[in-house]
Amino acid sequence: MVTNKVVARYKDNRIVKGKTNNFFPNKTSFHLELVNGEKIEIRVEELKALFFVKSYEGDKQHEKKYADKVPGGGRKIKVKFADGETIIGFTTGYSAGRGGFYMVPADLKGNNERIFVI
């Protein structure tokens, strides 16, 4: 089973980092093994997004450009979260009736490989 490095960003601004191998878009919760080894359950409805990352630290010096093209990435979209954060990327799976969708940021040099937007 594939294990993904993720950063879970909550609607209340909390952030937790860890690994998961049981996140599925149609499930209401999943388990996360935190970087300290503790295991917790995360309720998807409490999140703003789940970021699938290259590293937990990221690159603080990286300037986001959102100008890259993603071959086969689908429609280009701009997501503005309730907290004011904006991300531009591509999606093939947005549907207003679903609880969330995947997107690939249009900044391929950034730390985010893909994002599940709630």
PDB file of N, CA and C in Angstrom:
ATOM      1  N   MET A   1       0.843  -1.185   0.000  1.00  0.00           N
ATOM      2  CA  MET A   1       0.000   0.000   0.000  1.00  0.00           C
ATOM      3  C   MET A   1       0.889   1.251   0.000  1.00  0.00           C
ATOM      4  N   VAL A   2       0.514   2.248  -0.761  1.00  0.00           N
ATOM      5  CA  VAL A   2       1.290   3.474  -0.879  1.00  0.00           C
ATOM      6  C   VAL A   2       1.114   4.331   0.373  1.00  0.00           C
ATOM      7  N   THR A   3       2.227   4.821   0.892  1.00  0.00           N
ATOM      8  CA  THR A   3       2.189   5.738   2.031  1.00  0.00           C
ATOM      9  C   THR A   3       2.528   7.123   1.525  1.00  0.00           C
ATOM     10  N   ASN A   4       1.697   8.093   1.879  1.00  0.00           N
ATOM     11  CA  ASN A   4       1.869   9.468   1.422  1.00  0.00           C
ATOM     12  C   ASN A   4       2.278  10.385   2.559  1.00  0.00           C
ATOM     13  N   LYS A   5       3.230  11.287   2.282  1.00  0.00           N
ATOM     14  CA  LYS A   5       3.552  12.363   3.218  1.00  0.00           C
ATOM     15  C   LYS A   5       2.503  13.442   3.025  1.00  0.00           C
ATOM     16  N   VAL A   6       1.863  13.844   4.121  1.00  0.00           N
ATOM     17  CA  VAL A   6       0.813  14.847   4.013  1.00  0.00           C
ATOM     18  C   VAL A   6       0.926  15.894   5.112  1.00  0.00           C
ATOM     19  N   VAL A   7       0.355  17.049   4.802  1.00  0.00           N
ATOM     20  CA  VAL A   7       0.164  18.113   5.782  1.00  0.00           C
ATOM     21  C   VAL A   7      -1.327  18.395   5.793  1.00  0.00           C
ATOM     22  N   ALA A   8      -1.944  18.154   6.938  1.00  0.00           N
ATOM     23  CA  ALA A   8      -3.380  18.393   7.088  1.00  0.00           C
ATOM     24  C   ALA A   8      -3.573  19.788   7.663  1.00  0.00           C
ATOM     25  N   ARG A   9      -4.275  20.627   6.924  1.00  0.00           N
ATOM     26  CA  ARG A   9      -4.551  21.998   7.370  1.00  0.00           C
ATOM     27  C   ARG A   9      -6.016  22.089   7.745  1.00  0.00           C
ATOM     28  N   TYR A  10      -6.264  22.388   9.010  1.00  0.00           N
ATOM     29  CA  TYR A  10      -7.623  22.475   9.522  1.00  0.00           C
ATOM     30  C   TYR A  10      -8.237  23.846   9.244  1.00  0.00           C
ATOM     31  N   LYS A  11      -9.557  23.899   9.268  1.00  0.00           N
ATOM     32  CA  LYS A  11     -10.276  25.162   9.096  1.00  0.00           C
ATOM     33  C   LYS A  11      -9.949  26.143  10.215  1.00  0.00           C
ATOM     34  N   ASP A  12      -9.593  25.625  11.401  1.00  0.00           N
ATOM     35  CA  ASP A  12      -9.265  26.499  12.537  1.00  0.00           C
ATOM     36  C   ASP A  12      -7.772  26.849  12.598  1.00  0.00           C
ATOM     37  N   ASN A  13      -7.046  26.635  11.483  1.00  0.00           N
ATOM     38  CA  ASN A  13      -5.636  26.978  11.308  1.00  0.00           C
ATOM     39  C   ASN A  13      -4.641  26.008  11.941  1.00  0.00           C
ATOM     40  N   ARG A  14      -5.107  24.940  12.575  1.00  0.00           N
ATOM     41  CA  ARG A  14      -4.171  23.928  13.077  1.00  0.00           C
ATOM     42  C   ARG A  14      -3.541  23.217  11.885  1.00  0.00           C
ATOM     43  N   ILE A  15      -2.326  22.736  12.104  1.00  0.00           N
ATOM     44  CA  ILE A  15      -1.598  21.997  11.077  1.00  0.00           C
ATOM     45  C   ILE A  15      -0.998  20.752  11.725  1.00  0.00           C
ATOM     46  N   VAL A  16      -1.185  19.591  11.093  1.00  0.00           N
ATOM     47  CA  VAL A  16      -0.517  18.370  11.531  1.00  0.00           C
ATOM     48  C   VAL A  16       0.167  17.741  10.325  1.00  0.00           C
ATOM     49  N   LYS A  17       1.328  17.139  10.587  1.00  0.00           N
ATOM     50  CA  LYS A  17       2.133  16.546   9.518  1.00  0.00           C
ATOM     51  C   LYS A  17       2.368  15.082   9.822  1.00  0.00           C
ATOM     52  N   GLY A  18       2.302  14.264   8.777  1.00  0.00           N
ATOM     53  CA  GLY A  18       2.548  12.846   8.979  1.00  0.00           C
ATOM     54  C   GLY A  18       2.350  12.045   7.717  1.00  0.00           C
ATOM     55  N   LYS A  19       2.193  10.726   7.916  1.00  0.00           N
ATOM     56  CA  LYS A  19       2.035   9.802   6.800  1.00  0.00           C
ATOM     57  C   LYS A  19       0.679   9.119   6.890  1.00  0.00           C
ATOM     58  N   THR A  20       0.104   8.867   5.721  1.00  0.00           N
ATOM     59  CA  THR A  20      -1.158   8.129   5.675  1.00  0.00           C
ATOM     60  C   THR A  20      -1.143   7.173   4.497  1.00  0.00           C
ATOM     61  N   ASN A  21      -1.852   6.071   4.678  1.00  0.00           N
ATOM     62  CA  ASN A  21      -2.044   5.151   3.557  1.00  0.00           C
ATOM     63  C   ASN A  21      -3.512   4.776   3.433  1.00  0.00           C
ATOM     64  N   ASN A  22      -4.387   5.518   4.141  1.00  0.00           N
ATOM     65  CA  ASN A  22      -5.806   5.191   4.022  1.00  0.00           C
ATOM     66  C   ASN A  22      -6.700   6.419   3.837  1.00  0.00           C
ATOM     67  N   PHE A  23      -6.173   7.438   3.161  1.00  0.00           N
ATOM     68  CA  PHE A  23      -7.033   8.562   2.789  1.00  0.00           C
ATOM     69  C   PHE A  23      -7.720   8.235   1.472  1.00  0.00           C
ATOM     70  N   PHE A  24      -9.049   8.354   1.469  1.00  0.00           N
ATOM     71  CA  PHE A  24      -9.838   8.176   0.260  1.00  0.00           C
ATOM     72  C   PHE A  24     -10.847   9.319   0.197  1.00  0.00           C
ATOM     73  N   PRO A  25     -11.023   9.949  -0.962  1.00  0.00           N
ATOM     74  CA  PRO A  25     -11.908  11.121  -1.079  1.00  0.00           C
ATOM     75  C   PRO A  25     -13.344  10.886  -0.637  1.00  0.00           C
ATOM     76  N   ASN A  26     -13.817   9.666  -0.707  1.00  0.00           N
ATOM     77  CA  ASN A  26     -15.205   9.396  -0.366  1.00  0.00           C
ATOM     78  C   ASN A  26     -15.407   8.975   1.094  1.00  0.00           C
ATOM     79  N   LYS A  27     -14.351   8.950   1.884  1.00  0.00           N
ATOM     80  CA  LYS A  27     -14.444   8.564   3.294  1.00  0.00           C
ATOM     81  C   LYS A  27     -14.522   9.813   4.172  1.00  0.00           C
ATOM     82  N   THR A  28     -15.117   9.667   5.348  1.00  0.00           N
ATOM     83  CA  THR A  28     -15.294  10.810   6.254  1.00  0.00           C
ATOM     84  C   THR A  28     -14.110  11.005   7.193  1.00  0.00           C
ATOM     85  N   SER A  29     -13.227  10.004   7.278  1.00  0.00           N
ATOM     86  CA  SER A  29     -12.046  10.131   8.141  1.00  0.00           C
ATOM     87  C   SER A  29     -10.926   9.254   7.613  1.00  0.00           C
ATOM     88  N   PHE A  30      -9.727   9.481   8.146  1.00  0.00           N
ATOM     89  CA  PHE A  30      -8.569   8.665   7.799  1.00  0.00           C
ATOM     90  C   PHE A  30      -7.588   8.723   8.959  1.00  0.00           C
ATOM     91  N   HIS A  31      -6.596   7.854   8.926  1.00  0.00           N
ATOM     92  CA  HIS A  31      -5.604   7.805   9.993  1.00  0.00           C
ATOM     93  C   HIS A  31      -4.301   8.432   9.524  1.00  0.00           C
ATOM     94  N   LEU A  32      -3.651   9.087  10.469  1.00  0.00           N
ATOM     95  CA  LEU A  32      -2.392   9.765  10.182  1.00  0.00           C
ATOM     96  C   LEU A  32      -1.383   9.351  11.236  1.00  0.00           C
ATOM     97  N   GLU A  33      -0.192   8.946  10.790  1.00  0.00           N
ATOM     98  CA  GLU A  33       0.906   8.697  11.707  1.00  0.00           C
ATOM     99  C   GLU A  33       1.745   9.965  11.726  1.00  0.00           C
ATOM    100  N   LEU A  34       1.706  10.669  12.844  1.00  0.00           N
ATOM    101  CA  LEU A  34       2.426  11.930  12.969  1.00  0.00           C
ATOM    102  C   LEU A  34       3.927  11.702  12.893  1.00  0.00           C
ATOM    103  N   VAL A  35       4.674  12.777  12.656  1.00  0.00           N
ATOM    104  CA  VAL A  35       6.125  12.659  12.531  1.00  0.00           C
ATOM    105  C   VAL A  35       6.764  12.128  13.821  1.00  0.00           C
ATOM    106  N   ASN A  36       6.088  12.284  14.964  1.00  0.00           N
ATOM    107  CA  ASN A  36       6.619  11.761  16.226  1.00  0.00           C
ATOM    108  C   ASN A  36       6.201  10.312  16.474  1.00  0.00           C
ATOM    109  N   GLY A  37       5.470   9.688  15.521  1.00  0.00           N
ATOM    110  CA  GLY A  37       5.064   8.298  15.635  1.00  0.00           C
ATOM    111  C   GLY A  37       3.662   8.083  16.189  1.00  0.00           C
ATOM    112  N   GLU A  38       3.074   9.119  16.788  1.00  0.00           N
ATOM    113  CA  GLU A  38       1.711   9.017  17.318  1.00  0.00           C
ATOM    114  C   GLU A  38       0.728   8.832  16.168  1.00  0.00           C
ATOM    115  N   LYS A  39      -0.313   8.029  16.397  1.00  0.00           N
ATOM    116  CA  LYS A  39      -1.338   7.803  15.373  1.00  0.00           C
ATOM    117  C   LYS A  39      -2.636   8.471  15.811  1.00  0.00           C
ATOM    118  N   ILE A  40      -3.235   9.223  14.873  1.00  0.00           N
ATOM    119  CA  ILE A  40      -4.488   9.917  15.166  1.00  0.00           C
ATOM    120  C   ILE A  40      -5.479   9.691  14.023  1.00  0.00           C
ATOM    121  N   GLU A  41      -6.741   9.923  14.334  1.00  0.00           N
ATOM    122  CA  GLU A  41      -7.778   9.878  13.304  1.00  0.00           C
ATOM    123  C   GLU A  41      -8.143  11.315  12.951  1.00  0.00           C
ATOM    124  N   ILE A  42      -8.285  11.588  11.676  1.00  0.00           N
ATOM    125  CA  ILE A  42      -8.638  12.925  11.210  1.00  0.00           C
ATOM    126  C   ILE A  42      -9.995  12.867  10.531  1.00  0.00           C
ATOM    127  N   ARG A  43     -10.865  13.765  10.947  1.00  0.00           N
ATOM    128  CA  ARG A  43     -12.192  13.890  10.328  1.00  0.00           C
ATOM    129  C   ARG A  43     -12.077  14.900   9.184  1.00  0.00           C
ATOM    130  N   VAL A  44     -12.374  14.457   7.989  1.00  0.00           N
ATOM    131  CA  VAL A  44     -12.195  15.280   6.787  1.00  0.00           C
ATOM    132  C   VAL A  44     -12.990  16.581   6.871  1.00  0.00           C
ATOM    133  N   GLU A  45     -14.181  16.559   7.447  1.00  0.00           N
ATOM    134  CA  GLU A  45     -15.018  17.764   7.520  1.00  0.00           C
ATOM    135  C   GLU A  45     -14.369  18.894   8.324  1.00  0.00           C
ATOM    136  N   GLU A  46     -13.365  18.589   9.149  1.00  0.00           N
ATOM    137  CA  GLU A  46     -12.677  19.605   9.938  1.00  0.00           C
ATOM    138  C   GLU A  46     -11.536  20.278   9.169  1.00  0.00           C
ATOM    139  N   LEU A  47     -11.184  19.719   8.004  1.00  0.00           N
ATOM    140  CA  LEU A  47     -10.049  20.226   7.228  1.00  0.00           C
ATOM    141  C   LEU A  47     -10.466  21.278   6.209  1.00  0.00           C
ATOM    142  N   LYS A  48      -9.498  22.131   5.856  1.00  0.00           N
ATOM    143  CA  LYS A  48      -9.678  23.006   4.694  1.00  0.00           C
ATOM    144  C   LYS A  48      -9.068  22.316   3.479  1.00  0.00           C
ATOM    145  N   ALA A  49      -7.967  21.573   3.695  1.00  0.00           N
ATOM    146  CA  ALA A  49      -7.311  20.856   2.601  1.00  0.00           C
ATOM    147  C   ALA A  49      -6.304  19.869   3.164  1.00  0.00           C
ATOM    148  N   LEU A  50      -5.979  18.881   2.348  1.00  0.00           N
ATOM    149  CA  LEU A  50      -4.930  17.923   2.662  1.00  0.00           C
ATOM    150  C   LEU A  50      -3.867  18.057   1.581  1.00  0.00           C
ATOM    151  N   PHE A  51      -2.667  18.439   1.996  1.00  0.00           N
ATOM    152  CA  PHE A  51      -1.567  18.697   1.074  1.00  0.00           C
ATOM    153  C   PHE A  51      -0.648  17.480   1.023  1.00  0.00           C
ATOM    154  N   PHE A  52      -0.466  16.905  -0.154  1.00  0.00           N
ATOM    155  CA  PHE A  52       0.460  15.806  -0.367  1.00  0.00           C
ATOM    156  C   PHE A  52       1.787  16.461  -0.735  1.00  0.00           C
ATOM    157  N   VAL A  53       2.811  16.268   0.101  1.00  0.00           N
ATOM    158  CA  VAL A  53       4.032  17.065   0.016  1.00  0.00           C
ATOM    159  C   VAL A  53       5.271  16.229  -0.306  1.00  0.00           C
ATOM    160  N   LYS A  54       6.290  16.929  -0.794  1.00  0.00           N
ATOM    161  CA  LYS A  54       7.585  16.307  -1.054  1.00  0.00           C
ATOM    162  C   LYS A  54       8.366  16.157   0.248  1.00  0.00           C
ATOM    163  N   SER A  55       8.277  17.182   1.107  1.00  0.00           N
ATOM    164  CA  SER A  55       8.945  17.132   2.414  1.00  0.00           C
ATOM    165  C   SER A  55       8.080  17.862   3.434  1.00  0.00           C
ATOM    166  N   TYR A  56       8.287  17.562   4.708  1.00  0.00           N
ATOM    167  CA  TYR A  56       7.515  18.226   5.758  1.00  0.00           C
ATOM    168  C   TYR A  56       7.977  19.662   5.991  1.00  0.00           C
ATOM    169  N   GLU A  57       9.230  19.931   5.706  1.00  0.00           N
ATOM    170  CA  GLU A  57       9.795  21.257   5.955  1.00  0.00           C
ATOM    171  C   GLU A  57       9.489  22.249   4.844  1.00  0.00           C
ATOM    172  N   GLY A  58       9.464  21.789   3.602  1.00  0.00           N
ATOM    173  CA  GLY A  58       9.269  22.692   2.475  1.00  0.00           C
ATOM    174  C   GLY A  58      10.505  23.553   2.271  1.00  0.00           C
ATOM    175  N   ASP A  59      10.393  24.536   1.425  1.00  0.00           N
ATOM    176  CA  ASP A  59      11.484  25.472   1.146  1.00  0.00           C
ATOM    177  C   ASP A  59      10.976  26.867   1.433  1.00  0.00           C
ATOM    178  N   LYS A  60      11.346  27.403   2.575  1.00  0.00           N
ATOM    179  CA  LYS A  60      10.857  28.725   2.999  1.00  0.00           C
ATOM    180  C   LYS A  60      11.284  29.835   2.039  1.00  0.00           C
ATOM    181  N   GLN A  61      12.360  29.611   1.268  1.00  0.00           N
ATOM    182  CA  GLN A  61      12.866  30.615   0.336  1.00  0.00           C
ATOM    183  C   GLN A  61      12.152  30.578  -1.021  1.00  0.00           C
ATOM    184  N   HIS A  62      11.403  29.519  -1.277  1.00  0.00           N
ATOM    185  CA  HIS A  62      10.742  29.359  -2.574  1.00  0.00           C
ATOM    186  C   HIS A  62       9.639  30.402  -2.753  1.00  0.00           C
ATOM    187  N   GLU A  63       9.667  31.089  -3.878  1.00  0.00           N
ATOM    188  CA  GLU A  63       8.631  32.062  -4.211  1.00  0.00           C
ATOM    189  C   GLU A  63       7.623  31.386  -5.139  1.00  0.00           C
ATOM    190  N   LYS A  64       6.378  31.309  -4.700  1.00  0.00           N
ATOM    191  CA  LYS A  64       5.332  30.666  -5.498  1.00  0.00           C
ATOM    192  C   LYS A  64       5.048  31.485  -6.746  1.00  0.00           C
ATOM    193  N   LYS A  65       5.016  30.806  -7.897  1.00  0.00           N
ATOM    194  CA  LYS A  65       4.784  31.507  -9.162  1.00  0.00           C
ATOM    195  C   LYS A  65       3.485  31.077  -9.835  1.00  0.00           C
ATOM    196  N   TYR A  66       3.060  29.848  -9.671  1.00  0.00           N
ATOM    197  CA  TYR A  66       1.818  29.320 -10.259  1.00  0.00           C
ATOM    198  C   TYR A  66       1.698  29.606 -11.748  1.00  0.00           C
ATOM    199  N   ALA A  67       2.798  29.425 -12.479  1.00  0.00           N
ATOM    200  CA  ALA A  67       2.794  29.696 -13.913  1.00  0.00           C
ATOM    201  C   ALA A  67       3.086  28.450 -14.751  1.00  0.00           C
ATOM    202  N   ASP A  68       3.343  27.322 -14.101  1.00  0.00           N
ATOM    203  CA  ASP A  68       3.675  26.100 -14.827  1.00  0.00           C
ATOM    204  C   ASP A  68       2.442  25.496 -15.491  1.00  0.00           C
ATOM    205  N   LYS A  69       2.693  24.734 -16.527  1.00  0.00           N
ATOM    206  CA  LYS A  69       1.630  23.981 -17.181  1.00  0.00           C
ATOM    207  C   LYS A  69       1.754  22.530 -16.726  1.00  0.00           C
ATOM    208  N   VAL A  70       0.614  21.886 -16.538  1.00  0.00           N
ATOM    209  CA  VAL A  70       0.582  20.488 -16.109  1.00  0.00           C
ATOM    210  C   VAL A  70      -0.075  19.685 -17.227  1.00  0.00           C
ATOM    211  N   PRO A  71       0.727  18.976 -18.025  1.00  0.00           N
ATOM    212  CA  PRO A  71       0.157  18.201 -19.125  1.00  0.00           C
ATOM    213  C   PRO A  71      -0.882  17.206 -18.616  1.00  0.00           C
ATOM    214  N   GLY A  72      -2.054  17.220 -19.224  1.00  0.00           N
ATOM    215  CA  GLY A  72      -3.125  16.319 -18.812  1.00  0.00           C
ATOM    216  C   GLY A  72      -3.749  16.683 -17.475  1.00  0.00           C
ATOM    217  N   GLY A  73      -3.432  17.868 -16.974  1.00  0.00           N
ATOM    218  CA  GLY A  73      -3.901  18.293 -15.652  1.00  0.00           C
ATOM    219  C   GLY A  73      -5.345  18.732 -15.609  1.00  0.00           C
ATOM    220  N   GLY A  74      -5.948  18.911 -16.771  1.00  0.00           N
ATOM    221  CA  GLY A  74      -7.350  19.318 -16.795  1.00  0.00           C
ATOM    222  C   GLY A  74      -7.511  20.822 -16.830  1.00  0.00           C
ATOM    223  N   ARG A  75      -8.577  21.264 -16.206  1.00  0.00           N
ATOM    224  CA  ARG A  75      -8.960  22.679 -16.217  1.00  0.00           C
ATOM    225  C   ARG A  75      -8.122  23.479 -15.216  1.00  0.00           C
ATOM    226  N   LYS A  76      -7.693  24.668 -15.618  1.00  0.00           N
ATOM    227  CA  LYS A  76      -6.952  25.543 -14.707  1.00  0.00           C
ATOM    228  C   LYS A  76      -7.958  26.258 -13.807  1.00  0.00           C
ATOM    229  N   ILE A  77      -7.668  26.233 -12.500  1.00  0.00           N
ATOM    230  CA  ILE A  77      -8.575  26.849 -11.532  1.00  0.00           C
ATOM    231  C   ILE A  77      -7.801  27.681 -10.518  1.00  0.00           C
ATOM    232  N   LYS A  78      -8.530  28.543  -9.853  1.00  0.00           N
ATOM    233  CA  LYS A  78      -7.979  29.338  -8.762  1.00  0.00           C
ATOM    234  C   LYS A  78      -8.850  29.051  -7.541  1.00  0.00           C
ATOM    235  N   VAL A  79      -8.219  28.575  -6.473  1.00  0.00           N
ATOM    236  CA  VAL A  79      -8.946  28.260  -5.254  1.00  0.00           C
ATOM    237  C   VAL A  79      -8.612  29.315  -4.209  1.00  0.00           C
ATOM    238  N   LYS A  80      -9.654  29.961  -3.695  1.00  0.00           N
ATOM    239  CA  LYS A  80      -9.462  30.925  -2.612  1.00  0.00           C
ATOM    240  C   LYS A  80     -10.154  30.350  -1.380  1.00  0.00           C
ATOM    241  N   PHE A  81      -9.355  30.023  -0.369  1.00  0.00           N
ATOM    242  CA  PHE A  81      -9.869  29.445   0.861  1.00  0.00           C
ATOM    243  C   PHE A  81     -10.478  30.538   1.735  1.00  0.00           C
ATOM    244  N   ALA A  82     -11.313  30.120   2.673  1.00  0.00           N
ATOM    245  CA  ALA A  82     -11.990  31.055   3.579  1.00  0.00           C
ATOM    246  C   ALA A  82     -11.001  31.899   4.381  1.00  0.00           C
ATOM    247  N   ASP A  83      -9.789  31.370   4.628  1.00  0.00           N
ATOM    248  CA  ASP A  83      -8.792  32.119   5.398  1.00  0.00           C
ATOM    249  C   ASP A  83      -7.976  33.088   4.537  1.00  0.00           C
ATOM    250  N   GLY A  84      -8.312  33.183   3.235  1.00  0.00           N
ATOM    251  CA  GLY A  84      -7.633  34.130   2.349  1.00  0.00           C
ATOM    252  C   GLY A  84      -6.528  33.524   1.497  1.00  0.00           C
ATOM    253  N   GLU A  85      -6.062  32.317   1.819  1.00  0.00           N
ATOM    254  CA  GLU A  85      -5.017  31.683   1.022  1.00  0.00           C
ATOM    255  C   GLU A  85      -5.558  31.365  -0.372  1.00  0.00           C
ATOM    256  N   THR A  86      -4.732  31.620  -1.396  1.00  0.00           N
ATOM    257  CA  THR A  86      -5.114  31.356  -2.777  1.00  0.00           C
ATOM    258  C   THR A  86      -4.080  30.446  -3.424  1.00  0.00           C
ATOM    259  N   ILE A  87      -4.563  29.445  -4.149  1.00  0.00           N
ATOM    260  CA  ILE A  87      -3.693  28.525  -4.878  1.00  0.00           C
ATOM    261  C   ILE A  87      -4.253  28.379  -6.289  1.00  0.00           C
ATOM    262  N   ILE A  88      -3.365  28.424  -7.275  1.00  0.00           N
ATOM    263  CA  ILE A  88      -3.747  28.236  -8.667  1.00  0.00           C
ATOM    264  C   ILE A  88      -3.195  26.893  -9.121  1.00  0.00           C
ATOM    265  N   GLY A  89      -4.023  26.137  -9.822  1.00  0.00           N
ATOM    266  CA  GLY A  89      -3.584  24.835 -10.282  1.00  0.00           C
ATOM    267  C   GLY A  89      -4.530  24.253 -11.301  1.00  0.00           C
ATOM    268  N   PHE A  90      -4.473  22.939 -11.421  1.00  0.00           N
ATOM    269  CA  PHE A  90      -5.256  22.233 -12.425  1.00  0.00           C
ATOM    270  C   PHE A  90      -6.037  21.091 -11.779  1.00  0.00           C
ATOM    271  N   THR A  91      -7.226  20.837 -12.302  1.00  0.00           N
ATOM    272  CA  THR A  91      -8.029  19.733 -11.801  1.00  0.00           C
ATOM    273  C   THR A  91      -8.785  19.063 -12.935  1.00  0.00           C
ATOM    274  N   THR A  92      -8.992  17.775 -12.770  1.00  0.00           N
ATOM    275  CA  THR A  92      -9.835  17.029 -13.698  1.00  0.00           C
ATOM    276  C   THR A  92     -11.089  16.551 -12.988  1.00  0.00           C
ATOM    277  N   GLY A  93     -11.200  16.844 -11.692  1.00  0.00           N
ATOM    278  CA  GLY A  93     -12.276  16.242 -10.934  1.00  0.00           C
ATOM    279  C   GLY A  93     -13.155  17.152 -10.119  1.00  0.00           C
ATOM    280  N   TYR A  94     -13.259  18.438 -10.461  1.00  0.00           N
ATOM    281  CA  TYR A  94     -14.130  19.304  -9.662  1.00  0.00           C
ATOM    282  C   TYR A  94     -15.591  19.035  -9.984  1.00  0.00           C
ATOM    283  N   SER A  95     -16.383  18.890  -8.928  1.00  0.00           N
ATOM    284  CA  SER A  95     -17.826  18.751  -9.067  1.00  0.00           C
ATOM    285  C   SER A  95     -18.443  19.377  -7.823  1.00  0.00           C
ATOM    286  N   ALA A  96     -19.351  20.314  -8.010  1.00  0.00           N
ATOM    287  CA  ALA A  96     -19.940  21.051  -6.896  1.00  0.00           C
ATOM    288  C   ALA A  96     -20.643  20.147  -5.889  1.00  0.00           C
ATOM    289  N   GLY A  97     -21.108  18.982  -6.307  1.00  0.00           N
ATOM    290  CA  GLY A  97     -21.843  18.098  -5.417  1.00  0.00           C
ATOM    291  C   GLY A  97     -20.983  17.215  -4.536  1.00  0.00           C
ATOM    292  N   ARG A  98     -19.690  17.215  -4.730  1.00  0.00           N
ATOM    293  CA  ARG A  98     -18.791  16.357  -3.952  1.00  0.00           C
ATOM    294  C   ARG A  98     -18.218  17.112  -2.764  1.00  0.00           C
ATOM    295  N   GLY A  99     -17.674  16.340  -1.817  1.00  0.00           N
ATOM    296  CA  GLY A  99     -17.097  16.932  -0.622  1.00  0.00           C
ATOM    297  C   GLY A  99     -15.717  17.526  -0.823  1.00  0.00           C
ATOM    298  N   GLY A 100     -15.101  17.251  -1.968  1.00  0.00           N
ATOM    299  CA  GLY A 100     -13.768  17.784  -2.243  1.00  0.00           C
ATOM    300  C   GLY A 100     -13.280  17.326  -3.603  1.00  0.00           C
ATOM    301  N   PHE A 101     -12.087  17.786  -3.958  1.00  0.00           N
ATOM    302  CA  PHE A 101     -11.500  17.421  -5.250  1.00  0.00           C
ATOM    303  C   PHE A 101      -9.992  17.569  -5.179  1.00  0.00           C
ATOM    304  N   TYR A 102      -9.298  16.835  -6.040  1.00  0.00           N
ATOM    305  CA  TYR A 102      -7.842  16.945  -6.147  1.00  0.00           C
ATOM    306  C   TYR A 102      -7.477  18.046  -7.125  1.00  0.00           C
ATOM    307  N   MET A 103      -6.361  18.692  -6.831  1.00  0.00           N
ATOM    308  CA  MET A 103      -5.774  19.633  -7.778  1.00  0.00           C
ATOM    309  C   MET A 103      -4.258  19.496  -7.722  1.00  0.00           C
ATOM    310  N   VAL A 104      -3.617  19.821  -8.838  1.00  0.00           N
ATOM    311  CA  VAL A 104      -2.157  19.871  -8.910  1.00  0.00           C
ATOM    312  C   VAL A 104      -1.784  21.331  -9.031  1.00  0.00           C
ATOM    313  N   PRO A 105      -0.976  21.858  -8.095  1.00  0.00           N
ATOM    314  CA  PRO A 105      -0.600  23.270  -8.163  1.00  0.00           C
ATOM    315  C   PRO A 105       0.169  23.589  -9.447  1.00  0.00           C
ATOM    316  N   ALA A 106      -0.031  24.781  -9.967  1.00  0.00           N
ATOM    317  CA  ALA A 106       0.674  25.239 -11.169  1.00  0.00           C
ATOM    318  C   ALA A 106       2.046  25.798 -10.796  1.00  0.00           C
ATOM    319  N   ASP A 107       2.621  25.265  -9.739  1.00  0.00           N
ATOM    320  CA  ASP A 107       3.967  25.616  -9.275  1.00  0.00           C
ATOM    321  C   ASP A 107       4.688  24.300  -8.999  1.00  0.00           C
ATOM    322  N   LEU A 108       5.209  23.692 -10.061  1.00  0.00           N
ATOM    323  CA  LEU A 108       5.798  22.366  -9.960  1.00  0.00           C
ATOM    324  C   LEU A 108       7.082  22.323  -9.146  1.00  0.00           C
ATOM    325  N   LYS A 109       7.704  23.459  -8.906  1.00  0.00           N
ATOM    326  CA  LYS A 109       8.917  23.502  -8.093  1.00  0.00           C
ATOM    327  C   LYS A 109       8.601  23.680  -6.609  1.00  0.00           C
ATOM    328  N   GLY A 110       7.335  23.889  -6.304  1.00  0.00           N
ATOM    329  CA  GLY A 110       6.918  24.028  -4.910  1.00  0.00           C
ATOM    330  C   GLY A 110       6.907  22.691  -4.182  1.00  0.00           C
ATOM    331  N   ASN A 111       6.565  22.710  -2.916  1.00  0.00           N
ATOM    332  CA  ASN A 111       6.585  21.520  -2.086  1.00  0.00           C
ATOM    333  C   ASN A 111       5.344  20.637  -2.253  1.00  0.00           C
ATOM    334  N   ASN A 112       4.264  21.192  -2.742  1.00  0.00           N
ATOM    335  CA  ASN A 112       3.009  20.437  -2.875  1.00  0.00           C
ATOM    336  C   ASN A 112       2.986  19.657  -4.175  1.00  0.00           C
ATOM    337  N   GLU A 113       2.793  18.340  -4.067  1.00  0.00           N
ATOM    338  CA  GLU A 113       2.658  17.511  -5.264  1.00  0.00           C
ATOM    339  C   GLU A 113       1.224  17.542  -5.768  1.00  0.00           C
ATOM    340  N   ARG A 114       0.282  17.469  -4.828  1.00  0.00           N
ATOM    341  CA  ARG A 114      -1.139  17.593  -5.140  1.00  0.00           C
ATOM    342  C   ARG A 114      -1.845  17.984  -3.856  1.00  0.00           C
ATOM    343  N   ILE A 115      -3.067  18.430  -4.008  1.00  0.00           N
ATOM    344  CA  ILE A 115      -3.845  18.937  -2.878  1.00  0.00           C
ATOM    345  C   ILE A 115      -5.265  18.400  -3.006  1.00  0.00           C
ATOM    346  N   PHE A 116      -5.801  17.906  -1.888  1.00  0.00           N
ATOM    347  CA  PHE A 116      -7.204  17.566  -1.862  1.00  0.00           C
ATOM    348  C   PHE A 116      -7.903  18.723  -1.166  1.00  0.00           C
ATOM    349  N   VAL A 117      -8.688  19.477  -1.913  1.00  0.00           N
ATOM    350  CA  VAL A 117      -9.388  20.663  -1.408  1.00  0.00           C
ATOM    351  C   VAL A 117     -10.741  20.208  -0.888  1.00  0.00           C
ATOM    352  N   ILE A 118     -11.054  20.583   0.346  1.00  0.00           N
ATOM    353  CA  ILE A 118     -12.332  20.212   0.951  1.00  0.00           C
ATOM    354  C   ILE A 118     -13.343  21.303   0.628  1.00  0.00           C
TER     355      ILE A 118
END
